[in-house]
């Protein structure tokens, strides 16, 4: 990281100690793939916020973006929890250590925990909605035309995405395959179904039918 954060698409990373330390932590503990993806998520989420006329806290959105995929790391493979919750818990510890108010901590935790649960974040606080919007933009291309070609080019020049589709799917698979049970009822079951031979997704209907209730 340079001493001064660059501008892209008229925006920059918040110039705060909290943001700087979050950047350093993520650079030290994740791959370049996750680092660049996380930074793009911040920019794309912030741009969507600007486009939608939402008032949001850029620092909280940035912390959410930087921590949102931290739970894919090897140290969490045996946690037994969804990777989103692992990342949210790490963000909460980080924010508590810096004396951040509890309401702000809650917003960041919720934003990370729900970022792969479509249909809910968009109706919540702006930081929650925009983290998911940034993730959906970078990973799924949702709302692709909402950001101009020039703004998109500036962001990807700072944080390139070579072979991103294949590499992010590999990162998802590596991070989730050790705890396949955590994919029940969420989109990451699709990842394991594609890339892990023998994986069988949980079946909600069968779970109901096989429950211990006698009827």
C-alpha atoms as a PDB file:
ATOM      1  CA  UNK A   1       0.000   0.000   0.000  1.00  0.00           C
ATOM      2  CA  UNK A   2       1.214   3.460  -0.833  1.00  0.00           C
ATOM      3  CA  UNK A   3       1.344   6.257   1.723  1.00  0.00           C
ATOM      4  CA  UNK A   4      -1.592   7.973   0.057  1.00  0.00           C
ATOM      5  CA  UNK A   5      -4.601   6.034  -1.163  1.00  0.00           C
ATOM      6  CA  UNK A   6      -5.331   6.591  -4.872  1.00  0.00           C
ATOM      7  CA  UNK A   7      -8.529   8.040  -6.277  1.00  0.00           C
ATOM      8  CA  UNK A   8     -10.616   5.965  -8.652  1.00  0.00           C
ATOM      9  CA  UNK A   9     -13.993   6.899 -10.095  1.00  0.00           C
ATOM     10  CA  UNK A  10     -14.001  10.018  -7.904  1.00  0.00           C
ATOM     11  CA  UNK A  11     -13.672   8.012  -4.689  1.00  0.00           C
ATOM     12  CA  UNK A  12     -10.895   6.930  -2.387  1.00  0.00           C
ATOM     13  CA  UNK A  13     -10.442   4.716   0.645  1.00  0.00           C
ATOM     14  CA  UNK A  14     -11.145   6.535   3.930  1.00  0.00           C
ATOM     15  CA  UNK A  15      -7.959   8.127   5.265  1.00  0.00           C
ATOM     16  CA  UNK A  16      -8.267   6.801   8.809  1.00  0.00           C
ATOM     17  CA  UNK A  17      -6.134   4.690  11.106  1.00  0.00           C
ATOM     18  CA  UNK A  18      -8.882   2.060  11.216  1.00  0.00           C
ATOM     19  CA  UNK A  19      -8.977   1.714   7.437  1.00  0.00           C
ATOM     20  CA  UNK A  20      -5.183   1.642   7.186  1.00  0.00           C
ATOM     21  CA  UNK A  21      -4.844  -1.099   9.784  1.00  0.00           C
ATOM     22  CA  UNK A  22      -7.615  -3.123   8.145  1.00  0.00           C
ATOM     23  CA  UNK A  23      -5.788  -2.891   4.820  1.00  0.00           C
ATOM     24  CA  UNK A  24      -2.521  -4.023   6.370  1.00  0.00           C
ATOM     25  CA  UNK A  25      -4.194  -6.932   8.163  1.00  0.00           C
ATOM     26  CA  UNK A  26      -5.899  -8.212   5.021  1.00  0.00           C
ATOM     27  CA  UNK A  27      -2.749  -7.850   2.925  1.00  0.00           C
ATOM     28  CA  UNK A  28      -0.824  -9.905   5.478  1.00  0.00           C
ATOM     29  CA  UNK A  29      -3.393 -12.661   5.980  1.00  0.00           C
ATOM     30  CA  UNK A  30      -5.021 -13.258   2.578  1.00  0.00           C
ATOM     31  CA  UNK A  31      -4.014 -13.829  -1.013  1.00  0.00           C
ATOM     32  CA  UNK A  32      -3.590 -11.125  -3.625  1.00  0.00           C
ATOM     33  CA  UNK A  33      -6.794 -12.444  -5.194  1.00  0.00           C
ATOM     34  CA  UNK A  34      -8.842 -11.758  -2.059  1.00  0.00           C
ATOM     35  CA  UNK A  35      -7.094  -8.447  -1.374  1.00  0.00           C
ATOM     36  CA  UNK A  36      -7.820  -7.022  -4.830  1.00  0.00           C
ATOM     37  CA  UNK A  37     -11.358  -8.427  -4.825  1.00  0.00           C
ATOM     38  CA  UNK A  38     -12.066  -6.880  -1.418  1.00  0.00           C
ATOM     39  CA  UNK A  39     -10.811  -3.481  -2.506  1.00  0.00           C
ATOM     40  CA  UNK A  40     -12.934  -3.597  -5.661  1.00  0.00           C
ATOM     41  CA  UNK A  41     -15.951  -4.540  -3.561  1.00  0.00           C
ATOM     42  CA  UNK A  42     -15.498  -1.329  -1.575  1.00  0.00           C
ATOM     43  CA  UNK A  43     -15.254   0.842  -4.676  1.00  0.00           C
ATOM     44  CA  UNK A  44     -18.159  -0.827  -6.466  1.00  0.00           C
ATOM     45  CA  UNK A  45     -20.323  -0.733  -3.341  1.00  0.00           C
ATOM     46  CA  UNK A  46     -19.518   2.927  -2.719  1.00  0.00           C
ATOM     47  CA  UNK A  47     -20.303   3.802  -6.340  1.00  0.00           C
ATOM     48  CA  UNK A  48     -23.625   2.005  -6.107  1.00  0.00           C
ATOM     49  CA  UNK A  49     -24.317   3.991  -2.962  1.00  0.00           C
ATOM     50  CA  UNK A  50     -23.575   7.210  -4.798  1.00  0.00           C
ATOM     51  CA  UNK A  51     -25.746   6.135  -7.725  1.00  0.00           C
ATOM     52  CA  UNK A  52     -28.636   5.288  -5.391  1.00  0.00           C
ATOM     53  CA  UNK A  53     -28.336   8.473  -3.348  1.00  0.00           C
ATOM     54  CA  UNK A  54     -27.657   6.553  -0.135  1.00  0.00           C
ATOM     55  CA  UNK A  55     -25.969   8.113   2.868  1.00  0.00           C
ATOM     56  CA  UNK A  56     -23.449   5.633   4.265  1.00  0.00           C
ATOM     57  CA  UNK A  57     -20.344   5.503   6.414  1.00  0.00           C
ATOM     58  CA  UNK A  58     -17.420   4.886   3.998  1.00  0.00           C
ATOM     59  CA  UNK A  59     -15.185   3.622   6.798  1.00  0.00           C
ATOM     60  CA  UNK A  60     -17.664   0.960   7.892  1.00  0.00           C
ATOM     61  CA  UNK A  61     -18.307  -0.082   4.299  1.00  0.00           C
ATOM     62  CA  UNK A  62     -14.561  -0.374   3.770  1.00  0.00           C
ATOM     63  CA  UNK A  63     -14.041  -2.520   6.876  1.00  0.00           C
ATOM     64  CA  UNK A  64     -16.878  -4.776   5.764  1.00  0.00           C
ATOM     65  CA  UNK A  65     -15.420  -5.099   2.291  1.00  0.00           C
ATOM     66  CA  UNK A  66     -11.922  -5.896   3.540  1.00  0.00           C
ATOM     67  CA  UNK A  67     -13.078  -8.570   6.004  1.00  0.00           C
ATOM     68  CA  UNK A  68     -15.927 -10.118   4.009  1.00  0.00           C
ATOM     69  CA  UNK A  69     -13.914 -13.068   2.613  1.00  0.00           C
ATOM     70  CA  UNK A  70     -11.432 -13.436   5.446  1.00  0.00           C
ATOM     71  CA  UNK A  71     -13.317 -16.525   6.629  1.00  0.00           C
ATOM     72  CA  UNK A  72     -12.210 -18.451   3.536  1.00  0.00           C
ATOM     73  CA  UNK A  73      -8.707 -18.693   5.004  1.00  0.00           C
ATOM     74  CA  UNK A  74      -7.164 -21.986   6.043  1.00  0.00           C
ATOM     75  CA  UNK A  75      -7.251 -21.116   9.735  1.00  0.00           C
ATOM     76  CA  UNK A  76     -11.060 -21.241   9.599  1.00  0.00           C
ATOM     77  CA  UNK A  77     -11.419 -24.539   7.732  1.00  0.00           C
ATOM     78  CA  UNK A  78     -12.181 -26.402  10.928  1.00  0.00           C
ATOM     79  CA  UNK A  79     -14.484 -23.821  12.501  1.00  0.00           C
ATOM     80  CA  UNK A  80     -17.725 -25.597  11.634  1.00  0.00           C
ATOM     81  CA  UNK A  81     -19.287 -22.221  10.887  1.00  0.00           C
ATOM     82  CA  UNK A  82     -20.212 -20.526   7.634  1.00  0.00           C
ATOM     83  CA  UNK A  83     -17.215 -18.629   6.289  1.00  0.00           C
ATOM     84  CA  UNK A  84     -19.295 -15.454   6.303  1.00  0.00           C
ATOM     85  CA  UNK A  85     -19.743 -15.746  10.077  1.00  0.00           C
ATOM     86  CA  UNK A  86     -16.021 -16.393  10.576  1.00  0.00           C
ATOM     87  CA  UNK A  87     -15.202 -13.216   8.652  1.00  0.00           C
ATOM     88  CA  UNK A  88     -17.866 -11.253  10.512  1.00  0.00           C
ATOM     89  CA  UNK A  89     -16.499 -12.425  13.862  1.00  0.00           C
ATOM     90  CA  UNK A  90     -12.965 -11.378  12.884  1.00  0.00           C
ATOM     91  CA  UNK A  91     -14.237  -7.950  11.885  1.00  0.00           C
ATOM     92  CA  UNK A  92     -16.079  -7.644  15.192  1.00  0.00           C
ATOM     93  CA  UNK A  93     -12.921  -8.498  17.146  1.00  0.00           C
ATOM     94  CA  UNK A  94     -10.950  -5.963  15.122  1.00  0.00           C
ATOM     95  CA  UNK A  95     -13.516  -3.214  15.672  1.00  0.00           C
ATOM     96  CA  UNK A  96     -13.915  -3.943  19.371  1.00  0.00           C
ATOM     97  CA  UNK A  97     -10.140  -3.724  19.778  1.00  0.00           C
ATOM     98  CA  UNK A  98     -10.299  -0.233  18.291  1.00  0.00           C
ATOM     99  CA  UNK A  99     -13.146   0.943  20.523  1.00  0.00           C
ATOM    100  CA  UNK A 100     -15.704   1.282  17.727  1.00  0.00           C
ATOM    101  CA  UNK A 101     -19.290   1.848  18.985  1.00  0.00           C
ATOM    102  CA  UNK A 102     -21.463  -1.248  19.204  1.00  0.00           C
ATOM    103  CA  UNK A 103     -24.025  -0.100  16.648  1.00  0.00           C
ATOM    104  CA  UNK A 104     -21.285   0.326  14.064  1.00  0.00           C
ATOM    105  CA  UNK A 105     -19.816  -3.074  14.947  1.00  0.00           C
ATOM    106  CA  UNK A 106     -23.257  -4.637  14.521  1.00  0.00           C
ATOM    107  CA  UNK A 107     -23.711  -3.099  11.076  1.00  0.00           C
ATOM    108  CA  UNK A 108     -20.366  -4.410   9.859  1.00  0.00           C
ATOM    109  CA  UNK A 109     -20.988  -7.870  11.346  1.00  0.00           C
ATOM    110  CA  UNK A 110     -24.410  -8.063   9.721  1.00  0.00           C
ATOM    111  CA  UNK A 111     -23.120  -6.832   6.367  1.00  0.00           C
ATOM    112  CA  UNK A 112     -20.463  -9.549   6.226  1.00  0.00           C
ATOM    113  CA  UNK A 113     -22.673 -12.324   7.591  1.00  0.00           C
ATOM    114  CA  UNK A 114     -25.400 -11.645   5.009  1.00  0.00           C
ATOM    115  CA  UNK A 115     -23.311 -10.854   1.945  1.00  0.00           C
ATOM    116  CA  UNK A 116     -24.130 -14.189   0.253  1.00  0.00           C
ATOM    117  CA  UNK A 117     -27.795 -14.204   1.294  1.00  0.00           C
ATOM    118  CA  UNK A 118     -29.714 -12.511  -1.537  1.00  0.00           C
ATOM    119  CA  UNK A 119     -33.022 -10.763  -1.040  1.00  0.00           C
ATOM    120  CA  UNK A 120     -32.404  -9.432   2.483  1.00  0.00           C
ATOM    121  CA  UNK A 121     -29.404  -7.009   2.652  1.00  0.00           C
ATOM    122  CA  UNK A 122     -30.906  -4.579   0.145  1.00  0.00           C
ATOM    123  CA  UNK A 123     -33.624  -3.718   2.657  1.00  0.00           C
ATOM    124  CA  UNK A 124     -31.255  -3.090   5.566  1.00  0.00           C
ATOM    125  CA  UNK A 125     -28.875  -0.282   6.574  1.00  0.00           C
ATOM    126  CA  UNK A 126     -26.901   1.242   3.680  1.00  0.00           C
ATOM    127  CA  UNK A 127     -23.602  -0.341   4.751  1.00  0.00           C
ATOM    128  CA  UNK A 128     -25.263  -3.771   4.758  1.00  0.00           C
ATOM    129  CA  UNK A 129     -26.972  -3.219   1.420  1.00  0.00           C
ATOM    130  CA  UNK A 130     -23.892  -1.771  -0.269  1.00  0.00           C
ATOM    131  CA  UNK A 131     -21.476  -4.478   0.814  1.00  0.00           C
ATOM    132  CA  UNK A 132     -23.712  -7.037  -0.860  1.00  0.00           C
ATOM    133  CA  UNK A 133     -24.100  -4.739  -3.874  1.00  0.00           C
ATOM    134  CA  UNK A 134     -20.327  -4.515  -4.221  1.00  0.00           C
ATOM    135  CA  UNK A 135     -19.889  -8.260  -3.927  1.00  0.00           C
ATOM    136  CA  UNK A 136     -22.674  -8.947  -6.405  1.00  0.00           C
ATOM    137  CA  UNK A 137     -21.157  -6.471  -8.843  1.00  0.00           C
ATOM    138  CA  UNK A 138     -17.646  -7.914  -8.737  1.00  0.00           C
ATOM    139  CA  UNK A 139     -18.534 -11.609  -8.559  1.00  0.00           C
ATOM    140  CA  UNK A 140     -21.863 -11.880 -10.392  1.00  0.00           C
ATOM    141  CA  UNK A 141     -21.950  -8.774 -12.568  1.00  0.00           C
ATOM    142  CA  UNK A 142     -25.316  -7.703 -11.113  1.00  0.00           C
ATOM    143  CA  UNK A 143     -25.962  -4.084 -12.069  1.00  0.00           C
ATOM    144  CA  UNK A 144     -22.963  -4.104 -14.422  1.00  0.00           C
ATOM    145  CA  UNK A 145     -24.300  -1.211 -16.521  1.00  0.00           C
ATOM    146  CA  UNK A 146     -24.935   0.926 -13.433  1.00  0.00           C
ATOM    147  CA  UNK A 147     -21.249   1.891 -13.326  1.00  0.00           C
ATOM    148  CA  UNK A 148     -19.675   3.593 -16.315  1.00  0.00           C
ATOM    149  CA  UNK A 149     -17.021   1.932 -18.441  1.00  0.00           C
ATOM    150  CA  UNK A 150     -14.512   4.622 -17.462  1.00  0.00           C
ATOM    151  CA  UNK A 151     -15.136   4.257 -13.717  1.00  0.00           C
ATOM    152  CA  UNK A 152     -14.947   0.481 -13.977  1.00  0.00           C
ATOM    153  CA  UNK A 153     -11.686   0.735 -15.910  1.00  0.00           C
ATOM    154  CA  UNK A 154     -10.113   3.021 -13.285  1.00  0.00           C
ATOM    155  CA  UNK A 155     -10.987   0.597 -10.488  1.00  0.00           C
ATOM    156  CA  UNK A 156      -9.782  -2.515 -12.288  1.00  0.00           C
ATOM    157  CA  UNK A 157      -6.577  -0.727 -13.276  1.00  0.00           C
ATOM    158  CA  UNK A 158      -5.838  -0.255  -9.569  1.00  0.00           C
ATOM    159  CA  UNK A 159      -7.039  -3.740  -8.642  1.00  0.00           C
ATOM    160  CA  UNK A 160      -6.869  -6.064 -11.647  1.00  0.00           C
ATOM    161  CA  UNK A 161      -8.938  -9.220 -11.975  1.00  0.00           C
ATOM    162  CA  UNK A 162      -6.978 -11.601 -14.249  1.00  0.00           C
ATOM    163  CA  UNK A 163      -8.776 -14.948 -14.663  1.00  0.00           C
ATOM    164  CA  UNK A 164     -10.965 -13.842 -11.761  1.00  0.00           C
ATOM    165  CA  UNK A 165     -13.984 -16.063 -12.375  1.00  0.00           C
ATOM    166  CA  UNK A 166     -11.976 -19.280 -12.248  1.00  0.00           C
ATOM    167  CA  UNK A 167      -9.743 -18.143  -9.383  1.00  0.00           C
ATOM    168  CA  UNK A 168     -12.541 -16.911  -7.109  1.00  0.00           C
ATOM    169  CA  UNK A 169     -14.465 -20.145  -7.625  1.00  0.00           C
ATOM    170  CA  UNK A 170     -11.295 -22.031  -6.645  1.00  0.00           C
ATOM    171  CA  UNK A 171     -10.974 -19.871  -3.529  1.00  0.00           C
ATOM    172  CA  UNK A 172     -14.609 -20.513  -2.603  1.00  0.00           C
ATOM    173  CA  UNK A 173     -14.147 -24.253  -3.102  1.00  0.00           C
ATOM    174  CA  UNK A 174     -10.943 -24.408  -1.060  1.00  0.00           C
ATOM    175  CA  UNK A 175     -12.493 -22.370   1.744  1.00  0.00           C
ATOM    176  CA  UNK A 176     -15.767 -24.255   1.996  1.00  0.00           C
ATOM    177  CA  UNK A 177     -15.033 -27.866   1.000  1.00  0.00           C
ATOM    178  CA  UNK A 178     -13.590 -28.711   4.458  1.00  0.00           C
ATOM    179  CA  UNK A 179     -16.975 -27.860   6.043  1.00  0.00           C
ATOM    180  CA  UNK A 180     -19.594 -28.769   3.420  1.00  0.00           C
ATOM    181  CA  UNK A 181     -22.418 -28.851   5.961  1.00  0.00           C
ATOM    182  CA  UNK A 182     -22.231 -25.057   6.195  1.00  0.00           C
ATOM    183  CA  UNK A 183     -23.590 -24.713   2.650  1.00  0.00           C
ATOM    184  CA  UNK A 184     -27.060 -25.969   3.591  1.00  0.00           C
ATOM    185  CA  UNK A 185     -29.613 -23.455   2.350  1.00  0.00           C
ATOM    186  CA  UNK A 186     -27.163 -20.997   0.775  1.00  0.00           C
ATOM    187  CA  UNK A 187     -25.609 -20.272  -2.597  1.00  0.00           C
ATOM    188  CA  UNK A 188     -22.240 -21.846  -1.824  1.00  0.00           C
ATOM    189  CA  UNK A 189     -23.801 -25.306  -2.196  1.00  0.00           C
ATOM    190  CA  UNK A 190     -23.707 -24.570  -5.945  1.00  0.00           C
ATOM    191  CA  UNK A 191     -19.935 -24.181  -5.770  1.00  0.00           C
ATOM    192  CA  UNK A 192     -19.338 -27.552  -4.115  1.00  0.00           C
ATOM    193  CA  UNK A 193     -21.836 -29.271  -6.401  1.00  0.00           C
ATOM    194  CA  UNK A 194     -19.816 -28.085  -9.394  1.00  0.00           C
ATOM    195  CA  UNK A 195     -16.309 -28.691  -8.086  1.00  0.00           C
ATOM    196  CA  UNK A 196     -16.327 -31.362  -5.351  1.00  0.00           C
ATOM    197  CA  UNK A 197     -16.985 -34.902  -6.635  1.00  0.00           C
ATOM    198  CA  UNK A 198     -19.511 -36.744  -4.517  1.00  0.00           C
ATOM    199  CA  UNK A 199     -20.867 -33.663  -2.757  1.00  0.00           C
ATOM    200  CA  UNK A 200     -24.586 -33.905  -2.014  1.00  0.00           C
ATOM    201  CA  UNK A 201     -26.355 -30.692  -1.094  1.00  0.00           C
ATOM    202  CA  UNK A 202     -28.690 -30.634   1.881  1.00  0.00           C
ATOM    203  CA  UNK A 203     -32.343 -31.087   0.951  1.00  0.00           C
ATOM    204  CA  UNK A 204     -34.783 -28.948   2.924  1.00  0.00           C
ATOM    205  CA  UNK A 205     -37.802 -31.069   2.003  1.00  0.00           C
ATOM    206  CA  UNK A 206     -36.039 -34.296   2.950  1.00  0.00           C
ATOM    207  CA  UNK A 207     -34.926 -32.721   6.229  1.00  0.00           C
ATOM    208  CA  UNK A 208     -38.550 -32.004   7.081  1.00  0.00           C
ATOM    209  CA  UNK A 209     -39.727 -35.451   5.999  1.00  0.00           C
ATOM    210  CA  UNK A 210     -36.960 -37.204   7.970  1.00  0.00           C
ATOM    211  CA  UNK A 211     -37.365 -35.145  11.137  1.00  0.00           C
ATOM    212  CA  UNK A 212     -38.084 -37.063  14.379  1.00  0.00           C
ATOM    213  CA  UNK A 213     -41.689 -35.869  14.478  1.00  0.00           C
ATOM    214  CA  UNK A 214     -43.863 -39.001  14.272  1.00  0.00           C
ATOM    215  CA  UNK A 215     -46.355 -37.761  11.691  1.00  0.00           C
END
